């Protein structure tokens, strides 16, 4: 260990050499290299977390760059785990970084989480949050949770008892997952880039406090933060006991974790390369489901524009083409349109949705 690198931490009263050694021995997994995960990863790497894992199966897109500060324009299209690991290793050559370029699912999450001491959840969907929470509770892993919505954010520490009450978990706050589409995500609702930066940095701080046992972590508490007013308030969490939690591996594997990021059976999510191939295939209908005022405007000789506000009337007519490709700005409305078509046609047609939408594949649609 280079004492000079961590000197400003080591000389801090109440921290010292032993706390630094605890950081170097710690194994921390950050799930999601997005707006929350990027700042958390940077500060954890800089602080000297000896063994840092990154889970993310996504690639960098242009719309990520205003908040996912590990990435640059040159990284668009590259795996986030690869880019993030390279930058973090350049920042601190003394730590170990492990890439997990996968999507966590019931079949792999217990194995991966079991390799780490602390889990930081920086995901942006409820399905992943419940999956991660239940896995951490089953494995007795401390969980640092952060989330943002609009101009507000939340931060909590779960599965860690304090001297007064037993540990709580995410289901003590939200026992029942919301219905699909009930609460918009950042792609639909928008987010100011600095907000996940603030919450991600706070999450890194809570992780460091847990490891080194300094201060008072947000154990059995949730912090609520408002960017517009800079107001913060903390609420105590108590055990709710009105929900079902898996207590064994078999129970966990039999739990239902609805995945709204995956299309139902019969749908296929495609990238820009697959879209190009389908454009060259006979009997293919390309449908742009954005509203008519949205930009960029696509070639009307190639794409049929059917806004979602008009889609109900459109599907009453018969589609003769065998392949139907749906696109929108972010790949969210196209999924809803695909569901409507699947309900009507079943397996009689091949239905596709462009994953990530026009924003993710902007270079394909905007030619210089």
Protein backbone atom coordinates (compact mmCIF):
# COMPACT_ATOMS: atom_id res chain seq x y z
CA UNK A 1 0.00 0.00 0.00
CA UNK A 2 1.23 3.50 -0.84
CA UNK A 3 0.70 5.57 2.29
CA UNK A 4 1.18 8.75 0.27
CA UNK A 5 -1.82 7.98 -1.96
CA UNK A 6 -4.17 7.72 1.03
CA UNK A 7 -2.34 10.19 3.27
CA UNK A 8 -5.21 12.67 3.58
CA UNK A 9 -7.46 9.87 4.85
CA UNK A 10 -4.92 8.24 7.11
CA UNK A 11 -4.05 11.46 8.95
CA UNK A 12 -7.74 12.19 9.58
CA UNK A 13 -8.57 12.03 13.27
CA UNK A 14 -10.78 8.98 13.89
CA UNK A 15 -9.67 7.22 10.69
CA UNK A 16 -6.01 6.26 10.62
CA UNK A 17 -3.96 3.37 9.27
CA UNK A 18 -6.25 0.60 10.51
CA UNK A 19 -9.29 2.05 8.73
CA UNK A 20 -7.28 2.24 5.51
CA UNK A 21 -6.27 -1.39 5.89
CA UNK A 22 -9.94 -2.32 6.33
CA UNK A 23 -10.76 -0.61 3.02
CA UNK A 24 -7.96 -2.48 1.27
CA UNK A 25 -9.26 -5.80 2.62
CA UNK A 26 -12.88 -5.08 1.69
CA UNK A 27 -14.73 -6.60 -1.26
CA UNK A 28 -17.46 -4.33 -2.64
CA UNK A 29 -19.83 -5.05 -5.51
CA UNK A 30 -21.46 -2.11 -7.31
CA UNK A 31 -24.50 -3.14 -9.34
CA UNK A 32 -25.14 -0.74 -12.19
CA UNK A 33 -22.46 1.45 -13.81
CA UNK A 34 -24.93 4.25 -14.47
CA UNK A 35 -25.66 7.66 -12.98
CA UNK A 36 -25.46 6.31 -9.42
CA UNK A 37 -22.81 3.66 -9.98
CA UNK A 38 -20.26 5.85 -11.79
CA UNK A 39 -19.59 8.33 -8.95
CA UNK A 40 -19.81 5.56 -6.36
CA UNK A 41 -17.21 3.53 -8.25
CA UNK A 42 -14.89 6.50 -8.66
CA UNK A 43 -14.84 7.39 -4.98
CA UNK A 44 -14.61 3.78 -3.81
CA UNK A 45 -11.67 3.16 -6.14
CA UNK A 46 -9.97 6.37 -5.09
CA UNK A 47 -10.51 5.57 -1.40
CA UNK A 48 -8.66 2.27 -1.82
CA UNK A 49 -11.31 -0.46 -1.79
CA UNK A 50 -9.05 -3.44 -2.41
CA UNK A 51 -11.48 -5.61 -4.38
CA UNK A 52 -14.11 -3.81 -6.46
CA UNK A 53 -16.71 -5.58 -8.63
CA UNK A 54 -18.86 -3.99 -11.36
CA UNK A 55 -22.08 -5.51 -12.68
CA UNK A 56 -23.68 -4.09 -15.84
CA UNK A 57 -24.68 -5.68 -19.14
CA UNK A 58 -25.34 -2.42 -20.99
CA UNK A 59 -23.29 -0.38 -23.47
CA UNK A 60 -22.58 3.35 -23.37
CA UNK A 61 -25.03 5.58 -25.25
CA UNK A 62 -25.03 9.31 -25.94
CA UNK A 63 -27.90 9.99 -23.53
CA UNK A 64 -25.81 8.49 -20.68
CA UNK A 65 -23.04 11.07 -20.83
CA UNK A 66 -24.65 13.96 -18.93
CA UNK A 67 -24.68 11.90 -15.73
CA UNK A 68 -22.49 8.80 -16.19
CA UNK A 69 -19.20 10.58 -15.73
CA UNK A 70 -16.84 7.65 -16.24
CA UNK A 71 -17.66 7.67 -19.97
CA UNK A 72 -16.88 9.91 -22.93
CA UNK A 73 -18.25 10.34 -26.44
CA UNK A 74 -15.55 7.99 -27.74
CA UNK A 75 -16.95 5.21 -25.52
CA UNK A 76 -20.40 5.10 -27.15
CA UNK A 77 -21.28 1.52 -28.04
CA UNK A 78 -18.68 -0.02 -25.71
CA UNK A 79 -19.50 -2.20 -22.71
CA UNK A 80 -19.83 -0.08 -19.57
CA UNK A 81 -17.99 -2.63 -17.43
CA UNK A 82 -14.97 -2.60 -19.74
CA UNK A 83 -14.74 1.20 -19.95
CA UNK A 84 -15.38 1.71 -16.25
CA UNK A 85 -12.84 -0.91 -15.18
CA UNK A 86 -10.16 0.60 -17.43
CA UNK A 87 -10.71 4.13 -16.10
CA UNK A 88 -10.81 3.02 -12.48
CA UNK A 89 -7.66 0.93 -12.85
CA UNK A 90 -5.89 3.94 -14.35
CA UNK A 91 -7.08 5.97 -11.36
CA UNK A 92 -5.79 3.44 -8.84
CA UNK A 93 -3.39 0.71 -9.93
CA UNK A 94 -3.21 -0.73 -6.40
CA UNK A 95 -6.70 -2.24 -6.32
CA UNK A 96 -8.31 -5.22 -8.02
CA UNK A 97 -11.31 -4.70 -10.29
CA UNK A 98 -13.58 -7.51 -11.51
CA UNK A 99 -15.95 -7.08 -14.45
CA UNK A 100 -19.35 -8.78 -14.53
CA UNK A 101 -20.81 -7.82 -17.95
CA UNK A 102 -24.06 -9.66 -17.28
CA UNK A 103 -27.60 -9.04 -16.15
CA UNK A 104 -28.27 -10.34 -12.64
CA UNK A 105 -30.96 -13.01 -12.55
CA UNK A 106 -32.16 -15.59 -10.05
CA UNK A 107 -29.83 -18.19 -11.52
CA UNK A 108 -26.58 -16.20 -11.09
CA UNK A 109 -27.07 -13.54 -8.42
CA UNK A 110 -26.44 -15.69 -5.34
CA UNK A 111 -23.14 -16.96 -6.71
CA UNK A 112 -21.89 -13.48 -7.62
CA UNK A 113 -23.03 -11.71 -4.43
CA UNK A 114 -21.51 -14.43 -2.25
CA UNK A 115 -18.03 -13.33 -3.40
CA UNK A 116 -18.36 -9.84 -1.88
CA UNK A 117 -18.68 -8.32 1.59
CA UNK A 118 -20.81 -5.29 0.73
CA UNK A 119 -23.35 -4.70 -2.05
CA UNK A 120 -24.18 -1.27 -3.48
CA UNK A 121 -27.39 -1.15 -5.53
CA UNK A 122 -27.30 1.55 -8.20
CA UNK A 123 -29.95 0.02 -10.49
CA UNK A 124 -32.87 1.96 -11.93
CA UNK A 125 -35.77 -0.51 -11.96
CA UNK A 126 -37.91 -2.11 -9.28
CA UNK A 127 -37.47 -5.69 -10.48
CA UNK A 128 -33.71 -5.54 -9.93
CA UNK A 129 -34.13 -3.83 -6.55
CA UNK A 130 -36.36 -6.58 -5.17
CA UNK A 131 -34.12 -9.29 -6.63
CA UNK A 132 -30.99 -7.74 -5.13
CA UNK A 133 -32.67 -7.03 -1.80
CA UNK A 134 -33.92 -10.59 -1.37
CA UNK A 135 -30.58 -12.08 -2.37
CA UNK A 136 -28.72 -9.85 0.11
CA UNK A 137 -31.16 -10.73 2.89
CA UNK A 138 -30.77 -14.44 2.16
CA UNK A 139 -26.97 -14.18 2.11
CA UNK A 140 -26.87 -11.74 5.05
CA UNK A 141 -24.99 -9.15 3.00
CA UNK A 142 -25.11 -5.44 3.93
CA UNK A 143 -26.91 -3.55 1.16
CA UNK A 144 -26.32 0.13 0.40
CA UNK A 145 -29.31 1.36 -1.59
CA UNK A 146 -29.60 4.56 -3.64
CA UNK A 147 -32.32 5.75 -6.01
CA UNK A 148 -33.38 8.93 -7.81
CA UNK A 149 -36.65 10.11 -9.29
CA UNK A 150 -37.25 13.52 -10.80
CA UNK A 151 -35.49 16.05 -8.54
CA UNK A 152 -35.38 13.80 -5.47
CA UNK A 153 -33.24 10.93 -4.23
CA UNK A 154 -33.21 8.31 -1.51
CA UNK A 155 -30.41 6.55 0.36
CA UNK A 156 -30.55 3.70 2.88
CA UNK A 157 -28.53 0.88 4.43
CA UNK A 158 -30.31 -2.48 4.66
CA UNK A 159 -29.59 -5.91 6.18
CA UNK A 160 -27.40 -4.42 8.88
CA UNK A 161 -28.66 -4.54 12.49
CA UNK A 162 -27.90 -1.80 14.97
CA UNK A 163 -27.74 -2.03 18.76
CA UNK A 164 -31.41 -1.14 19.15
CA UNK A 165 -33.42 -3.05 16.54
CA UNK A 166 -32.94 -5.96 14.09
CA UNK A 167 -32.00 -5.27 10.51
CA UNK A 168 -34.55 -4.07 7.98
CA UNK A 169 -34.68 -4.45 4.21
CA UNK A 170 -36.22 -2.82 1.15
CA UNK A 171 -39.48 -4.73 1.56
CA UNK A 172 -40.00 -3.14 4.97
CA UNK A 173 -40.39 0.12 3.04
CA UNK A 174 -42.15 -1.20 -0.06
CA UNK A 175 -43.59 -4.68 0.61
CA UNK A 176 -45.26 -5.03 -2.80
CA UNK A 177 -43.58 -4.16 -6.13
CA UNK A 178 -45.44 -1.54 -8.18
CA UNK A 179 -47.27 -2.63 -11.30
CA UNK A 180 -45.43 -2.44 -14.60
CA UNK A 181 -45.41 1.16 -15.85
CA UNK A 182 -46.95 2.49 -12.63
CA UNK A 183 -43.86 4.54 -11.74
CA UNK A 184 -41.77 6.07 -14.58
CA UNK A 185 -38.02 5.56 -14.71
CA UNK A 186 -35.38 8.16 -15.57
CA UNK A 187 -35.70 7.56 -19.31
CA UNK A 188 -39.37 8.51 -19.11
CA UNK A 189 -39.30 11.02 -16.25
CA UNK A 190 -35.94 12.69 -16.86
CA UNK A 191 -33.14 13.45 -14.40
CA UNK A 192 -30.66 16.26 -13.76
CA UNK A 193 -27.19 14.76 -14.08
CA UNK A 194 -25.86 16.02 -10.76
CA UNK A 195 -28.66 14.33 -8.75
CA UNK A 196 -27.46 10.71 -9.19
CA UNK A 197 -23.93 12.10 -8.77
CA UNK A 198 -24.84 13.39 -5.32
CA UNK A 199 -26.66 10.22 -4.27
CA UNK A 200 -23.98 7.94 -5.72
CA UNK A 201 -21.30 9.80 -3.78
CA UNK A 202 -23.40 9.54 -0.62
CA UNK A 203 -23.73 5.79 -1.23
CA UNK A 204 -19.95 5.49 -1.48
CA UNK A 205 -19.65 7.38 1.82
CA UNK A 206 -22.08 4.99 3.53
CA UNK A 207 -20.09 2.04 2.21
CA UNK A 208 -16.84 3.46 3.58
CA UNK A 209 -18.52 4.14 6.96
CA UNK A 210 -19.76 0.55 7.16
CA UNK A 211 -16.37 -0.91 6.32
CA UNK A 212 -14.34 1.27 8.67
CA UNK A 213 -17.01 1.54 11.40
CA UNK A 214 -16.77 5.32 11.57
CA UNK A 215 -19.70 7.66 12.08
CA UNK A 216 -23.32 6.59 12.03
CA UNK A 217 -24.37 4.81 8.81
CA UNK A 218 -28.01 5.01 7.70
CA UNK A 219 -28.77 1.64 9.29
CA UNK A 220 -32.54 1.12 9.53
CA UNK A 221 -33.03 4.63 8.17
CA UNK A 222 -33.78 6.20 4.80
CA UNK A 223 -32.52 9.62 3.80
CA UNK A 224 -34.65 11.69 1.43
CA UNK A 225 -32.93 14.45 -0.56
CA UNK A 226 -34.48 17.27 -2.61
CA UNK A 227 -32.17 18.82 -5.18
CA UNK A 228 -34.33 21.92 -5.73
CA UNK A 229 -34.31 22.99 -2.09
CA UNK A 230 -31.25 21.13 -0.76
CA UNK A 231 -33.51 19.82 2.00
CA UNK A 232 -32.83 16.45 3.61
CA UNK A 233 -34.76 14.46 6.15
CA UNK A 234 -34.29 10.99 7.62
CA UNK A 235 -37.03 8.48 8.45
CA UNK A 236 -36.54 5.49 10.75
CA UNK A 237 -37.46 2.11 9.24
CA UNK A 238 -39.00 -0.65 11.32
CA UNK A 239 -39.76 -4.25 10.39
CA UNK A 240 -43.10 -4.54 8.60
CA UNK A 241 -43.57 -8.36 8.59
CA UNK A 242 -46.40 -8.09 6.06
CA UNK A 243 -44.58 -9.53 3.07
CA UNK A 244 -43.12 -12.79 1.81
CA UNK A 245 -39.34 -13.17 1.92
CA UNK A 246 -37.48 -16.24 0.66
CA UNK A 247 -35.75 -17.98 3.55
CA UNK A 248 -33.98 -20.71 1.55
CA UNK A 249 -32.28 -20.94 -1.83
CA UNK A 250 -35.14 -23.03 -3.19
CA UNK A 251 -37.70 -20.46 -2.06
CA UNK A 252 -35.62 -17.71 -3.65
CA UNK A 253 -35.41 -19.55 -6.97
CA UNK A 254 -39.19 -20.01 -6.92
CA UNK A 255 -39.91 -16.31 -6.31
CA UNK A 256 -41.42 -14.25 -9.13
CA UNK A 257 -39.34 -11.25 -10.17
CA UNK A 258 -41.15 -9.67 -13.08
CA UNK A 259 -38.65 -8.24 -15.55
CA UNK A 260 -40.04 -5.27 -17.44
CA UNK A 261 -36.75 -4.87 -19.25
CA UNK A 262 -37.29 -8.13 -21.11
CA UNK A 263 -40.01 -8.56 -23.66
CA UNK A 264 -42.58 -11.33 -23.29
CA UNK A 265 -42.06 -14.53 -25.19
CA UNK A 266 -42.62 -13.94 -28.90
CA UNK A 267 -40.91 -10.56 -28.92
CA UNK A 268 -37.34 -9.93 -29.94
CA UNK A 269 -35.26 -6.96 -28.83
CA UNK A 270 -32.84 -5.92 -31.54
CA UNK A 271 -29.94 -3.53 -32.01
CA UNK A 272 -29.22 -1.23 -34.95
CA UNK A 273 -27.36 -3.93 -36.90
CA UNK A 274 -30.38 -6.24 -36.74
CA UNK A 275 -32.62 -3.35 -37.74
CA UNK A 276 -30.54 -2.78 -40.87
CA UNK A 277 -30.87 -6.44 -41.82
CA UNK A 278 -34.63 -6.35 -41.32
CA UNK A 279 -34.87 -3.22 -43.48
CA UNK A 280 -33.44 -5.32 -46.30
CA UNK A 281 -35.87 -8.17 -45.68
CA UNK A 282 -39.01 -8.46 -47.77
CA UNK A 283 -42.34 -8.16 -45.99
CA UNK A 284 -41.06 -5.94 -43.16
CA UNK A 285 -43.01 -3.00 -41.73
CA UNK A 286 -41.03 -0.39 -39.80
CA UNK A 287 -43.21 1.64 -37.44
CA UNK A 288 -42.19 4.83 -35.62
CA UNK A 289 -44.53 5.16 -32.62
CA UNK A 290 -43.33 8.61 -31.50
CA UNK A 291 -45.62 11.61 -31.65
CA UNK A 292 -45.46 13.71 -34.81
CA UNK A 293 -43.64 16.64 -33.21
CA UNK A 294 -40.70 14.55 -31.98
CA UNK A 295 -37.27 14.78 -33.56
CA UNK A 296 -35.30 13.57 -35.37
CA UNK A 297 -37.78 13.17 -38.22
CA UNK A 298 -37.23 9.84 -39.97
CA UNK A 299 -37.48 9.04 -43.68
CA UNK A 300 -41.21 8.58 -44.30
CA UNK A 301 -40.47 6.38 -47.31
CA UNK A 302 -38.83 3.89 -44.95
CA UNK A 303 -40.70 4.34 -41.65
CA UNK A 304 -44.45 4.43 -41.16
CA UNK A 305 -45.33 6.89 -38.41
CA UNK A 306 -48.07 5.70 -36.10
CA UNK A 307 -47.96 7.74 -32.85
CA UNK A 308 -48.96 5.89 -29.69
CA UNK A 309 -51.89 8.31 -29.39
CA UNK A 310 -53.20 6.83 -32.66
CA UNK A 311 -52.01 3.25 -32.21
CA UNK A 312 -55.28 1.87 -30.87
CA UNK A 313 -57.08 2.80 -34.07
CA UNK A 314 -54.18 1.59 -36.22
CA UNK A 315 -54.16 -1.98 -34.91
CA UNK A 316 -57.81 -2.45 -35.80
CA UNK A 317 -56.58 -2.71 -39.39
CA UNK A 318 -54.82 -5.79 -40.71
CA UNK A 319 -51.04 -5.76 -41.13
CA UNK A 320 -49.99 -7.81 -44.14
CA UNK A 321 -46.23 -7.82 -43.55
CA UNK A 322 -44.66 -10.81 -41.79
CA UNK A 323 -42.11 -8.78 -39.78
CA UNK A 324 -43.03 -5.70 -37.73
CA UNK A 325 -40.32 -3.51 -36.19
CA UNK A 326 -41.34 -0.88 -33.64
CA UNK A 327 -39.14 2.04 -32.65
CA UNK A 328 -39.45 5.08 -30.39
CA UNK A 329 -37.16 7.54 -28.65
CA UNK A 330 -35.98 5.33 -25.78
CA UNK A 331 -37.33 1.84 -26.52
CA UNK A 332 -40.12 2.12 -23.93
CA UNK A 333 -43.21 3.01 -25.94
CA UNK A 334 -42.16 0.54 -28.62
CA UNK A 335 -42.50 -2.24 -26.03
CA UNK A 336 -46.06 -1.16 -25.23
CA UNK A 337 -46.87 -1.15 -28.94
CA UNK A 338 -45.30 -4.58 -29.33
CA UNK A 339 -47.47 -5.94 -26.53
CA UNK A 340 -50.58 -4.66 -28.29
CA UNK A 341 -49.57 -6.29 -31.56
CA UNK A 342 -48.63 -9.55 -29.87
CA UNK A 343 -52.03 -9.69 -28.19
CA UNK A 344 -53.68 -9.39 -31.60
CA UNK A 345 -51.42 -11.56 -33.76
CA UNK A 346 -49.80 -13.99 -31.35
CA UNK A 347 -47.09 -16.07 -33.03
CA UNK A 348 -48.39 -15.44 -36.55
CA UNK A 349 -46.01 -12.48 -36.99
CA UNK A 350 -42.46 -11.70 -35.95
CA UNK A 351 -42.52 -8.57 -33.80
CA UNK A 352 -39.39 -6.63 -32.87
CA UNK A 353 -38.54 -3.62 -30.69
CA UNK A 354 -35.40 -1.52 -31.07
CA UNK A 355 -33.71 -1.74 -27.65
CA UNK A 356 -32.77 1.70 -26.36
CA UNK A 357 -34.63 3.43 -29.16
CA UNK A 358 -33.41 6.20 -31.44
CA UNK A 359 -31.43 7.87 -28.64
CA UNK A 360 -29.23 4.81 -28.17
CA UNK A 361 -28.64 4.33 -31.92
CA UNK A 362 -28.65 8.00 -32.91
CA UNK A 363 -25.76 7.64 -35.36
CA UNK A 364 -27.80 5.14 -37.36
CA UNK A 365 -30.67 7.60 -37.79
CA UNK A 366 -28.71 10.89 -38.04
CA UNK A 367 -26.36 10.75 -40.97
CA UNK A 368 -23.66 13.42 -41.25
